[in-house]
N, C-alpha and C. Protein backbone atom coordinates (compact mmCIF):
# COMPACT_ATOMS: atom_id res chain seq x y z
N MET A 1 -28.70 6.98 -3.40
CA MET A 1 -27.39 7.57 -3.25
C MET A 1 -26.33 6.48 -3.43
N THR A 2 -25.29 6.80 -4.18
CA THR A 2 -24.17 5.89 -4.38
C THR A 2 -22.93 6.52 -3.78
N GLN A 3 -22.22 5.75 -2.95
CA GLN A 3 -20.98 6.23 -2.36
C GLN A 3 -19.93 5.14 -2.42
N LYS A 4 -18.67 5.55 -2.35
CA LYS A 4 -17.57 4.60 -2.27
C LYS A 4 -16.38 5.30 -1.64
N ILE A 5 -15.50 4.55 -1.04
CA ILE A 5 -14.24 5.11 -0.58
C ILE A 5 -13.31 5.10 -1.79
N ALA A 6 -12.92 6.28 -2.23
CA ALA A 6 -12.15 6.41 -3.46
C ALA A 6 -10.66 6.55 -3.19
N THR A 7 -10.31 7.23 -2.09
CA THR A 7 -8.92 7.53 -1.81
C THR A 7 -8.66 7.43 -0.31
N LEU A 8 -7.52 6.84 0.03
CA LEU A 8 -7.06 6.77 1.41
C LEU A 8 -5.73 7.49 1.50
N SER A 9 -5.54 8.25 2.56
CA SER A 9 -4.29 8.98 2.77
C SER A 9 -3.32 8.11 3.56
N LEU A 10 -2.08 8.07 3.12
CA LEU A 10 -1.05 7.30 3.80
C LEU A 10 0.16 8.22 4.01
N LEU A 11 0.52 8.41 5.27
CA LEU A 11 1.67 9.27 5.58
C LEU A 11 2.97 8.62 5.12
N VAL A 12 3.81 9.41 4.49
CA VAL A 12 5.12 8.95 4.01
C VAL A 12 6.18 9.95 4.41
N ALA A 13 7.42 9.51 4.45
CA ALA A 13 8.54 10.39 4.78
C ALA A 13 9.04 11.15 3.56
N ASP A 14 8.92 10.53 2.39
CA ASP A 14 9.46 11.12 1.17
C ASP A 14 8.61 10.66 -0.01
N TYR A 15 8.18 11.60 -0.83
CA TYR A 15 7.34 11.25 -1.98
C TYR A 15 8.02 10.27 -2.92
N ASP A 16 9.25 10.57 -3.32
CA ASP A 16 9.89 9.77 -4.36
C ASP A 16 10.21 8.36 -3.90
N GLU A 17 10.64 8.18 -2.65
CA GLU A 17 10.92 6.82 -2.18
C GLU A 17 9.63 6.02 -2.04
N ALA A 18 8.54 6.70 -1.67
CA ALA A 18 7.25 6.01 -1.58
C ALA A 18 6.74 5.62 -2.96
N ILE A 19 6.85 6.52 -3.93
CA ILE A 19 6.45 6.19 -5.30
C ILE A 19 7.26 5.00 -5.80
N ALA A 20 8.56 5.00 -5.57
CA ALA A 20 9.41 3.89 -6.03
C ALA A 20 8.96 2.58 -5.41
N PHE A 21 8.68 2.57 -4.11
CA PHE A 21 8.26 1.33 -3.46
C PHE A 21 6.94 0.83 -4.05
N TYR A 22 5.94 1.68 -4.06
CA TYR A 22 4.62 1.23 -4.50
C TYR A 22 4.58 0.87 -5.98
N CYS A 23 5.30 1.62 -6.81
CA CYS A 23 5.27 1.34 -8.24
C CYS A 23 6.24 0.23 -8.66
N GLU A 24 7.44 0.22 -8.11
CA GLU A 24 8.44 -0.77 -8.53
C GLU A 24 8.29 -2.10 -7.81
N LYS A 25 8.01 -2.08 -6.52
CA LYS A 25 7.95 -3.33 -5.75
C LYS A 25 6.56 -3.95 -5.72
N LEU A 26 5.53 -3.11 -5.68
CA LEU A 26 4.16 -3.65 -5.63
C LEU A 26 3.47 -3.62 -6.98
N GLY A 27 4.07 -2.94 -7.95
CA GLY A 27 3.48 -2.89 -9.29
C GLY A 27 2.32 -1.93 -9.44
N PHE A 28 2.20 -0.95 -8.53
CA PHE A 28 1.13 0.03 -8.62
C PHE A 28 1.40 0.98 -9.79
N THR A 29 0.38 1.71 -10.17
CA THR A 29 0.45 2.72 -11.21
C THR A 29 0.47 4.09 -10.55
N LEU A 30 1.32 4.97 -11.05
CA LEU A 30 1.33 6.36 -10.60
C LEU A 30 0.19 7.07 -11.33
N VAL A 31 -0.83 7.46 -10.59
CA VAL A 31 -2.02 8.07 -11.16
C VAL A 31 -1.85 9.58 -11.30
N ALA A 32 -1.24 10.21 -10.30
CA ALA A 32 -1.06 11.66 -10.33
C ALA A 32 0.16 12.04 -9.51
N ASP A 33 0.84 13.07 -9.95
CA ASP A 33 1.96 13.65 -9.20
C ASP A 33 2.03 15.13 -9.59
N GLN A 34 1.35 15.95 -8.78
CA GLN A 34 1.25 17.37 -9.09
C GLN A 34 1.80 18.20 -7.93
N ALA A 35 2.60 19.19 -8.25
CA ALA A 35 3.12 20.10 -7.23
C ALA A 35 1.99 20.99 -6.72
N LEU A 36 1.94 21.14 -5.39
CA LEU A 36 0.95 22.01 -4.76
C LEU A 36 1.60 23.17 -4.03
N GLY A 37 2.90 23.19 -4.03
CA GLY A 37 3.65 24.22 -3.33
C GLY A 37 5.10 23.82 -3.28
N PRO A 38 5.90 24.55 -2.54
CA PRO A 38 7.34 24.28 -2.52
C PRO A 38 7.70 22.90 -1.98
N ASP A 39 6.94 22.36 -1.05
CA ASP A 39 7.28 21.05 -0.47
C ASP A 39 6.06 20.15 -0.34
N LYS A 40 5.05 20.39 -1.19
CA LYS A 40 3.82 19.60 -1.10
C LYS A 40 3.39 19.17 -2.49
N ARG A 41 3.02 17.90 -2.60
CA ARG A 41 2.58 17.34 -3.88
C ARG A 41 1.29 16.54 -3.67
N TRP A 42 0.54 16.41 -4.73
CA TRP A 42 -0.64 15.55 -4.76
C TRP A 42 -0.21 14.30 -5.51
N VAL A 43 0.08 13.22 -4.74
CA VAL A 43 0.60 11.99 -5.33
C VAL A 43 -0.39 10.87 -5.08
N LEU A 44 -0.93 10.32 -6.15
CA LEU A 44 -1.86 9.21 -6.08
C LEU A 44 -1.26 7.99 -6.75
N VAL A 45 -1.34 6.83 -6.09
CA VAL A 45 -0.96 5.55 -6.68
C VAL A 45 -2.13 4.59 -6.51
N ALA A 46 -2.18 3.59 -7.37
CA ALA A 46 -3.26 2.61 -7.31
C ALA A 46 -2.76 1.29 -7.86
N PRO A 47 -3.31 0.18 -7.36
CA PRO A 47 -2.94 -1.11 -7.92
C PRO A 47 -3.23 -1.16 -9.42
N ALA A 48 -2.32 -1.74 -10.17
CA ALA A 48 -2.49 -1.84 -11.63
C ALA A 48 -3.73 -2.67 -11.94
N GLY A 49 -4.54 -2.17 -12.85
CA GLY A 49 -5.71 -2.91 -13.29
C GLY A 49 -6.83 -2.97 -12.28
N GLY A 50 -6.66 -2.29 -11.16
CA GLY A 50 -7.67 -2.35 -10.11
C GLY A 50 -8.76 -1.33 -10.28
N SER A 51 -9.83 -1.56 -9.57
CA SER A 51 -10.94 -0.62 -9.60
C SER A 51 -11.27 -0.14 -8.19
N GLY A 52 -10.39 -0.41 -7.25
CA GLY A 52 -10.63 -0.03 -5.86
C GLY A 52 -10.07 1.33 -5.53
N ALA A 53 -9.86 1.56 -4.27
CA ALA A 53 -9.38 2.84 -3.77
C ALA A 53 -7.95 3.11 -4.20
N GLN A 54 -7.64 4.40 -4.30
CA GLN A 54 -6.28 4.86 -4.57
C GLN A 54 -5.65 5.29 -3.25
N LEU A 55 -4.33 5.36 -3.23
CA LEU A 55 -3.61 5.88 -2.07
C LEU A 55 -3.09 7.26 -2.38
N LEU A 56 -3.38 8.20 -1.49
CA LEU A 56 -2.77 9.52 -1.54
C LEU A 56 -1.53 9.45 -0.66
N LEU A 57 -0.36 9.54 -1.26
CA LEU A 57 0.88 9.51 -0.52
C LEU A 57 1.12 10.92 0.02
N ALA A 58 0.90 11.08 1.32
CA ALA A 58 0.93 12.40 1.96
C ALA A 58 2.21 12.54 2.78
N LYS A 59 3.08 13.43 2.36
CA LYS A 59 4.33 13.65 3.09
C LYS A 59 4.02 14.24 4.47
N ALA A 60 4.54 13.58 5.49
CA ALA A 60 4.31 14.02 6.86
C ALA A 60 4.80 15.44 7.05
N ASP A 61 4.02 16.20 7.81
CA ASP A 61 4.35 17.60 8.09
C ASP A 61 4.38 17.77 9.60
N GLY A 62 5.57 17.87 10.17
CA GLY A 62 5.70 18.08 11.60
C GLY A 62 5.95 16.80 12.37
N ALA A 63 6.28 16.97 13.63
CA ALA A 63 6.68 15.85 14.49
C ALA A 63 5.56 14.84 14.72
N GLU A 64 4.34 15.32 14.93
CA GLU A 64 3.23 14.40 15.21
C GLU A 64 2.94 13.49 14.03
N GLN A 65 2.88 14.06 12.84
CA GLN A 65 2.65 13.23 11.66
C GLN A 65 3.84 12.32 11.38
N SER A 66 5.03 12.82 11.54
CA SER A 66 6.23 11.99 11.32
C SER A 66 6.25 10.79 12.26
N ALA A 67 5.81 10.98 13.48
CA ALA A 67 5.78 9.88 14.45
C ALA A 67 4.79 8.79 14.06
N ALA A 68 3.79 9.13 13.26
CA ALA A 68 2.77 8.16 12.86
C ALA A 68 3.15 7.36 11.61
N ILE A 69 4.21 7.77 10.91
CA ILE A 69 4.62 7.05 9.71
C ILE A 69 4.95 5.61 10.08
N GLY A 70 4.35 4.68 9.38
CA GLY A 70 4.62 3.26 9.61
C GLY A 70 3.80 2.64 10.71
N ASN A 71 3.02 3.43 11.40
CA ASN A 71 2.21 2.90 12.50
C ASN A 71 0.82 3.53 12.49
N GLN A 72 0.30 3.74 11.33
CA GLN A 72 -0.99 4.41 11.21
C GLN A 72 -2.16 3.57 11.71
N ALA A 73 -1.97 2.28 11.85
CA ALA A 73 -3.04 1.41 12.35
C ALA A 73 -2.67 0.81 13.70
N GLY A 74 -1.72 1.41 14.40
CA GLY A 74 -1.38 0.94 15.73
C GLY A 74 -0.81 -0.47 15.77
N GLY A 75 -0.11 -0.87 14.70
CA GLY A 75 0.51 -2.19 14.66
C GLY A 75 -0.34 -3.27 14.02
N ARG A 76 -1.57 -2.96 13.70
CA ARG A 76 -2.45 -3.94 13.04
C ARG A 76 -2.29 -3.83 11.52
N VAL A 77 -2.82 -4.81 10.81
CA VAL A 77 -2.88 -4.71 9.36
C VAL A 77 -3.77 -3.53 9.02
N ALA A 78 -3.24 -2.64 8.19
CA ALA A 78 -3.95 -1.41 7.86
C ALA A 78 -4.66 -1.50 6.51
N LEU A 79 -4.04 -2.19 5.56
CA LEU A 79 -4.54 -2.19 4.19
C LEU A 79 -4.53 -3.61 3.64
N PHE A 80 -5.42 -3.85 2.70
CA PHE A 80 -5.60 -5.18 2.13
C PHE A 80 -5.48 -5.09 0.62
N LEU A 81 -4.44 -5.74 0.09
CA LEU A 81 -4.22 -5.76 -1.35
C LEU A 81 -4.78 -7.06 -1.89
N GLU A 82 -5.91 -6.96 -2.57
CA GLU A 82 -6.59 -8.15 -3.09
C GLU A 82 -6.04 -8.49 -4.47
N THR A 83 -5.82 -9.77 -4.70
CA THR A 83 -5.28 -10.25 -5.97
C THR A 83 -6.15 -11.38 -6.52
N ASP A 84 -6.04 -11.61 -7.81
CA ASP A 84 -6.72 -12.74 -8.43
C ASP A 84 -5.78 -13.93 -8.59
N HIS A 85 -4.50 -13.77 -8.17
CA HIS A 85 -3.53 -14.86 -8.29
C HIS A 85 -2.48 -14.71 -7.20
N PHE A 86 -2.78 -15.26 -6.04
CA PHE A 86 -1.95 -15.09 -4.86
C PHE A 86 -0.51 -15.58 -5.09
N ALA A 87 -0.35 -16.78 -5.59
CA ALA A 87 0.99 -17.36 -5.74
C ALA A 87 1.87 -16.51 -6.66
N ARG A 88 1.33 -16.04 -7.75
CA ARG A 88 2.07 -15.19 -8.70
C ARG A 88 2.54 -13.91 -8.02
N ASP A 89 1.63 -13.24 -7.33
CA ASP A 89 1.96 -11.95 -6.72
C ASP A 89 2.87 -12.11 -5.50
N PHE A 90 2.67 -13.15 -4.73
CA PHE A 90 3.55 -13.41 -3.58
C PHE A 90 4.98 -13.63 -4.08
N ALA A 91 5.15 -14.43 -5.14
CA ALA A 91 6.48 -14.70 -5.68
C ALA A 91 7.11 -13.43 -6.25
N ALA A 92 6.35 -12.66 -7.02
CA ALA A 92 6.88 -11.45 -7.64
C ALA A 92 7.29 -10.43 -6.58
N MET A 93 6.46 -10.24 -5.58
CA MET A 93 6.77 -9.27 -4.53
C MET A 93 7.98 -9.73 -3.71
N SER A 94 8.05 -11.01 -3.43
CA SER A 94 9.19 -11.55 -2.68
C SER A 94 10.48 -11.34 -3.46
N GLU A 95 10.45 -11.60 -4.76
CA GLU A 95 11.64 -11.42 -5.61
C GLU A 95 12.09 -9.97 -5.66
N LYS A 96 11.16 -9.05 -5.50
CA LYS A 96 11.49 -7.61 -5.54
C LYS A 96 11.88 -7.07 -4.17
N GLY A 97 11.96 -7.94 -3.17
CA GLY A 97 12.43 -7.53 -1.86
C GLY A 97 11.38 -7.08 -0.87
N VAL A 98 10.11 -7.31 -1.17
CA VAL A 98 9.05 -6.98 -0.21
C VAL A 98 9.19 -7.92 0.99
N THR A 99 9.10 -7.37 2.18
CA THR A 99 9.25 -8.15 3.41
C THR A 99 7.91 -8.74 3.84
N PHE A 100 7.81 -10.06 3.78
CA PHE A 100 6.64 -10.76 4.29
C PHE A 100 6.94 -11.19 5.73
N LEU A 101 5.97 -11.01 6.60
CA LEU A 101 6.14 -11.32 8.02
C LEU A 101 5.73 -12.73 8.37
N GLU A 102 5.24 -13.47 7.40
CA GLU A 102 4.77 -14.83 7.62
C GLU A 102 4.75 -15.58 6.29
N ALA A 103 4.70 -16.87 6.40
CA ALA A 103 4.50 -17.71 5.22
C ALA A 103 3.04 -17.61 4.80
N PRO A 104 2.76 -17.87 3.52
CA PRO A 104 1.36 -17.85 3.09
C PRO A 104 0.50 -18.80 3.90
N ARG A 105 -0.72 -18.35 4.18
CA ARG A 105 -1.71 -19.16 4.89
C ARG A 105 -2.93 -19.36 3.98
N HIS A 106 -3.55 -20.50 4.12
CA HIS A 106 -4.76 -20.79 3.35
C HIS A 106 -5.89 -20.96 4.36
N GLU A 107 -6.71 -19.92 4.45
CA GLU A 107 -7.79 -19.86 5.42
C GLU A 107 -9.12 -20.13 4.73
N ALA A 108 -10.17 -20.25 5.51
CA ALA A 108 -11.50 -20.48 4.95
C ALA A 108 -11.91 -19.35 4.01
N TYR A 109 -11.43 -18.14 4.26
CA TYR A 109 -11.80 -16.98 3.45
C TYR A 109 -10.86 -16.76 2.26
N GLY A 110 -9.70 -17.46 2.21
CA GLY A 110 -8.80 -17.32 1.08
C GLY A 110 -7.34 -17.49 1.45
N SER A 111 -6.46 -17.20 0.50
CA SER A 111 -5.01 -17.27 0.72
C SER A 111 -4.53 -15.89 1.12
N VAL A 112 -3.62 -15.85 2.12
CA VAL A 112 -3.21 -14.56 2.67
C VAL A 112 -1.80 -14.64 3.24
N ALA A 113 -1.09 -13.51 3.21
CA ALA A 113 0.19 -13.35 3.89
C ALA A 113 0.34 -11.86 4.22
N VAL A 114 0.89 -11.58 5.39
CA VAL A 114 1.09 -10.21 5.83
C VAL A 114 2.47 -9.73 5.36
N PHE A 115 2.50 -8.52 4.79
CA PHE A 115 3.77 -7.92 4.41
C PHE A 115 3.83 -6.50 4.94
N GLU A 116 5.04 -5.93 4.91
CA GLU A 116 5.24 -4.55 5.34
C GLU A 116 5.59 -3.67 4.15
N ASP A 117 5.10 -2.43 4.20
CA ASP A 117 5.55 -1.49 3.19
C ASP A 117 6.90 -0.91 3.63
N LEU A 118 7.42 0.05 2.91
CA LEU A 118 8.76 0.55 3.20
C LEU A 118 8.87 1.23 4.55
N TYR A 119 7.75 1.60 5.16
CA TYR A 119 7.79 2.27 6.46
C TYR A 119 7.36 1.36 7.61
N GLY A 120 6.94 0.14 7.31
CA GLY A 120 6.54 -0.78 8.35
C GLY A 120 5.04 -0.93 8.53
N ASN A 121 4.23 -0.21 7.73
CA ASN A 121 2.78 -0.44 7.78
C ASN A 121 2.49 -1.86 7.34
N LYS A 122 1.59 -2.52 8.02
CA LYS A 122 1.26 -3.91 7.69
C LYS A 122 0.11 -3.96 6.68
N TRP A 123 0.27 -4.84 5.73
CA TRP A 123 -0.70 -5.09 4.68
C TRP A 123 -1.00 -6.59 4.62
N ASP A 124 -2.17 -6.95 4.17
CA ASP A 124 -2.48 -8.32 3.77
C ASP A 124 -2.43 -8.39 2.25
N LEU A 125 -1.70 -9.34 1.71
CA LEU A 125 -1.87 -9.75 0.31
C LEU A 125 -2.87 -10.87 0.38
N ILE A 126 -3.99 -10.73 -0.29
CA ILE A 126 -5.06 -11.71 -0.11
C ILE A 126 -5.74 -12.05 -1.44
N GLU A 127 -5.96 -13.34 -1.64
CA GLU A 127 -6.81 -13.82 -2.72
C GLU A 127 -8.03 -14.44 -2.06
N PRO A 128 -9.15 -13.74 -2.08
CA PRO A 128 -10.35 -14.27 -1.43
C PRO A 128 -10.81 -15.56 -2.10
N ARG A 129 -11.35 -16.43 -1.29
CA ARG A 129 -11.96 -17.65 -1.83
C ARG A 129 -13.25 -17.24 -2.53
N ARG A 130 -13.45 -17.70 -3.71
CA ARG A 130 -14.64 -17.32 -4.49
C ARG A 130 -15.69 -18.40 -4.39
């Protein structure tokens, strides 16, 4: 049996602002954007050139889901964006206004810096040591 995690759901407040952030600031590709009803869409984004999981940008529905936007991992790093060139991507993301919460660190496992998405979810930008 072969399995993989193909898609992760991420709560967002607005489809279009989330698409703009992930595609314009992080350089992701818009994979799908299909209407499913009057206020619901199937929106998938993925890192350009990547072969990993995609993000389903899921518009929050109701107070409970809205309260979880930006805190889906309880304040911990929720997602890990792996790169083959940390310095290039750190500089490009910084120039586009991505908020990094720390200076780059060089650990035994690789180069890393924590950043926030537009809602405050924490991510690691990481280039693993090979």
